[in-house]
Amino acid sequence: MEQIIQHFTDDDLYKFTMCCAVIDNFPRAQVKYRFKDRDNLVYPKGFADELNH
């Protein structure tokens, strides 16, 4: 499967800013991020496996 994100600028800015906020304000916190599909797209078979890899 071809990579969806080819360059770091293709990623979601929100994720980066939230990561920086957590690191700056809660440096010892352990966090989990979850994928949120905002467009309700239909993904190809095996996409979830690649996402969870």
N, C-alpha and C. Protein backbone atom coordinates (compact mmCIF):
# COMPACT_ATOMS: atom_id res chain seq x y z
N MET A 1 0.85 -1.17 0.00
CA MET A 1 0.00 0.00 0.00
C MET A 1 0.90 1.25 0.00
N GLU A 2 0.60 2.18 -0.86
CA GLU A 2 1.37 3.42 -0.96
C GLU A 2 1.11 4.31 0.25
N GLN A 3 2.15 4.96 0.74
CA GLN A 3 1.99 5.85 1.88
C GLN A 3 1.10 7.02 1.52
N ILE A 4 0.18 7.36 2.43
CA ILE A 4 -0.72 8.49 2.21
C ILE A 4 0.02 9.79 2.49
N ILE A 5 0.76 9.82 3.57
CA ILE A 5 1.50 11.01 3.94
C ILE A 5 2.91 10.89 3.38
N GLN A 6 3.22 11.71 2.41
CA GLN A 6 4.52 11.68 1.76
C GLN A 6 5.52 12.62 2.41
N HIS A 7 5.04 13.66 3.06
CA HIS A 7 5.90 14.68 3.65
C HIS A 7 5.25 15.15 4.95
N PHE A 8 6.03 15.62 5.90
CA PHE A 8 5.46 16.00 7.19
C PHE A 8 4.45 17.14 7.07
N THR A 9 4.53 17.94 6.01
CA THR A 9 3.56 19.02 5.84
C THR A 9 2.20 18.52 5.34
N ASP A 10 2.11 17.26 4.95
CA ASP A 10 0.84 16.67 4.53
C ASP A 10 0.00 16.26 5.73
N ASP A 11 0.56 16.32 6.90
CA ASP A 11 -0.12 15.88 8.11
C ASP A 11 -1.00 16.99 8.67
N ASP A 12 -1.75 16.66 9.68
CA ASP A 12 -2.70 17.57 10.30
C ASP A 12 -1.98 18.50 11.28
N LEU A 13 -2.06 19.80 11.08
CA LEU A 13 -1.41 20.77 11.95
C LEU A 13 -1.94 20.67 13.38
N TYR A 14 -3.23 20.33 13.52
CA TYR A 14 -3.83 20.20 14.85
C TYR A 14 -3.07 19.18 15.70
N LYS A 15 -2.69 18.06 15.10
CA LYS A 15 -1.97 17.03 15.84
C LYS A 15 -0.64 17.56 16.36
N PHE A 16 0.07 18.29 15.53
CA PHE A 16 1.36 18.86 15.95
C PHE A 16 1.19 19.87 17.07
N THR A 17 0.21 20.76 16.94
CA THR A 17 0.02 21.79 17.97
C THR A 17 -0.44 21.17 19.29
N MET A 18 -1.29 20.16 19.23
CA MET A 18 -1.72 19.49 20.46
C MET A 18 -0.56 18.76 21.12
N CYS A 19 0.28 18.14 20.33
CA CYS A 19 1.46 17.46 20.85
C CYS A 19 2.37 18.45 21.57
N CYS A 20 2.60 19.60 20.96
CA CYS A 20 3.45 20.63 21.58
C CYS A 20 2.82 21.13 22.87
N ALA A 21 1.51 21.31 22.88
CA ALA A 21 0.82 21.79 24.08
C ALA A 21 0.97 20.78 25.22
N VAL A 22 0.81 19.51 24.91
CA VAL A 22 0.95 18.47 25.94
C VAL A 22 2.37 18.42 26.47
N ILE A 23 3.35 18.44 25.58
CA ILE A 23 4.75 18.37 26.00
C ILE A 23 5.14 19.58 26.85
N ASP A 24 4.69 20.78 26.44
CA ASP A 24 5.03 21.99 27.18
C ASP A 24 4.36 22.07 28.54
N ASN A 25 3.09 21.67 28.61
CA ASN A 25 2.31 21.84 29.84
C ASN A 25 2.30 20.61 30.74
N PHE A 26 2.47 19.45 30.17
CA PHE A 26 2.42 18.20 30.94
C PHE A 26 3.56 17.28 30.51
N PRO A 27 4.81 17.65 30.79
CA PRO A 27 5.95 16.90 30.26
C PRO A 27 6.03 15.44 30.69
N ARG A 28 5.42 15.07 31.79
CA ARG A 28 5.48 13.68 32.26
C ARG A 28 4.22 12.88 31.93
N ALA A 29 3.29 13.49 31.25
CA ALA A 29 2.03 12.81 30.93
C ALA A 29 2.24 11.76 29.84
N GLN A 30 1.48 10.69 29.95
CA GLN A 30 1.44 9.67 28.91
C GLN A 30 0.09 9.82 28.22
N VAL A 31 0.11 10.00 26.93
CA VAL A 31 -1.13 10.25 26.20
C VAL A 31 -1.31 9.23 25.08
N LYS A 32 -2.54 9.11 24.61
CA LYS A 32 -2.86 8.28 23.46
C LYS A 32 -3.62 9.14 22.47
N TYR A 33 -3.30 8.96 21.21
CA TYR A 33 -4.02 9.65 20.15
C TYR A 33 -4.84 8.64 19.39
N ARG A 34 -5.99 9.07 18.91
CA ARG A 34 -6.88 8.18 18.18
C ARG A 34 -7.22 8.82 16.83
N PHE A 35 -7.30 8.01 15.79
CA PHE A 35 -7.63 8.48 14.46
C PHE A 35 -9.10 8.87 14.40
N LYS A 36 -9.38 10.05 13.88
CA LYS A 36 -10.76 10.51 13.71
C LYS A 36 -10.96 10.85 12.24
N ASP A 37 -11.81 10.10 11.57
CA ASP A 37 -12.12 10.34 10.16
C ASP A 37 -13.20 11.41 10.09
N ARG A 38 -12.83 12.59 9.70
CA ARG A 38 -13.77 13.72 9.65
C ARG A 38 -14.63 13.71 8.39
N ASP A 39 -14.26 12.90 7.41
CA ASP A 39 -14.98 12.89 6.14
C ASP A 39 -15.80 11.63 5.91
N ASN A 40 -15.75 10.67 6.85
CA ASN A 40 -16.47 9.39 6.71
C ASN A 40 -16.16 8.71 5.38
N LEU A 41 -14.89 8.67 5.02
CA LEU A 41 -14.45 8.04 3.78
C LEU A 41 -14.47 6.52 3.88
N VAL A 42 -14.59 5.87 2.74
CA VAL A 42 -14.48 4.42 2.67
C VAL A 42 -13.02 4.13 2.30
N TYR A 43 -12.34 3.39 3.15
CA TYR A 43 -10.91 3.12 2.96
C TYR A 43 -10.70 1.74 2.37
N PRO A 44 -9.60 1.55 1.67
CA PRO A 44 -9.32 0.25 1.06
C PRO A 44 -9.06 -0.83 2.10
N LYS A 45 -9.26 -2.06 1.70
CA LYS A 45 -9.01 -3.20 2.57
C LYS A 45 -7.57 -3.15 3.06
N GLY A 46 -7.37 -3.39 4.34
CA GLY A 46 -6.04 -3.38 4.93
C GLY A 46 -5.62 -2.03 5.48
N PHE A 47 -6.41 -1.00 5.26
CA PHE A 47 -6.05 0.34 5.72
C PHE A 47 -5.94 0.38 7.24
N ALA A 48 -6.90 -0.21 7.93
CA ALA A 48 -6.88 -0.19 9.40
C ALA A 48 -5.64 -0.90 9.94
N ASP A 49 -5.24 -1.99 9.29
CA ASP A 49 -4.04 -2.70 9.73
C ASP A 49 -2.80 -1.81 9.58
N GLU A 50 -2.72 -1.08 8.48
CA GLU A 50 -1.59 -0.18 8.26
C GLU A 50 -1.62 0.98 9.25
N LEU A 51 -2.80 1.47 9.55
CA LEU A 51 -2.95 2.58 10.49
C LEU A 51 -2.53 2.16 11.89
N ASN A 52 -2.85 0.95 12.27
CA ASN A 52 -2.53 0.45 13.61
C ASN A 52 -1.14 -0.14 13.70
N HIS A 53 -0.40 -0.16 12.63
CA HIS A 53 0.93 -0.77 12.60
C HIS A 53 1.93 -0.01 13.44
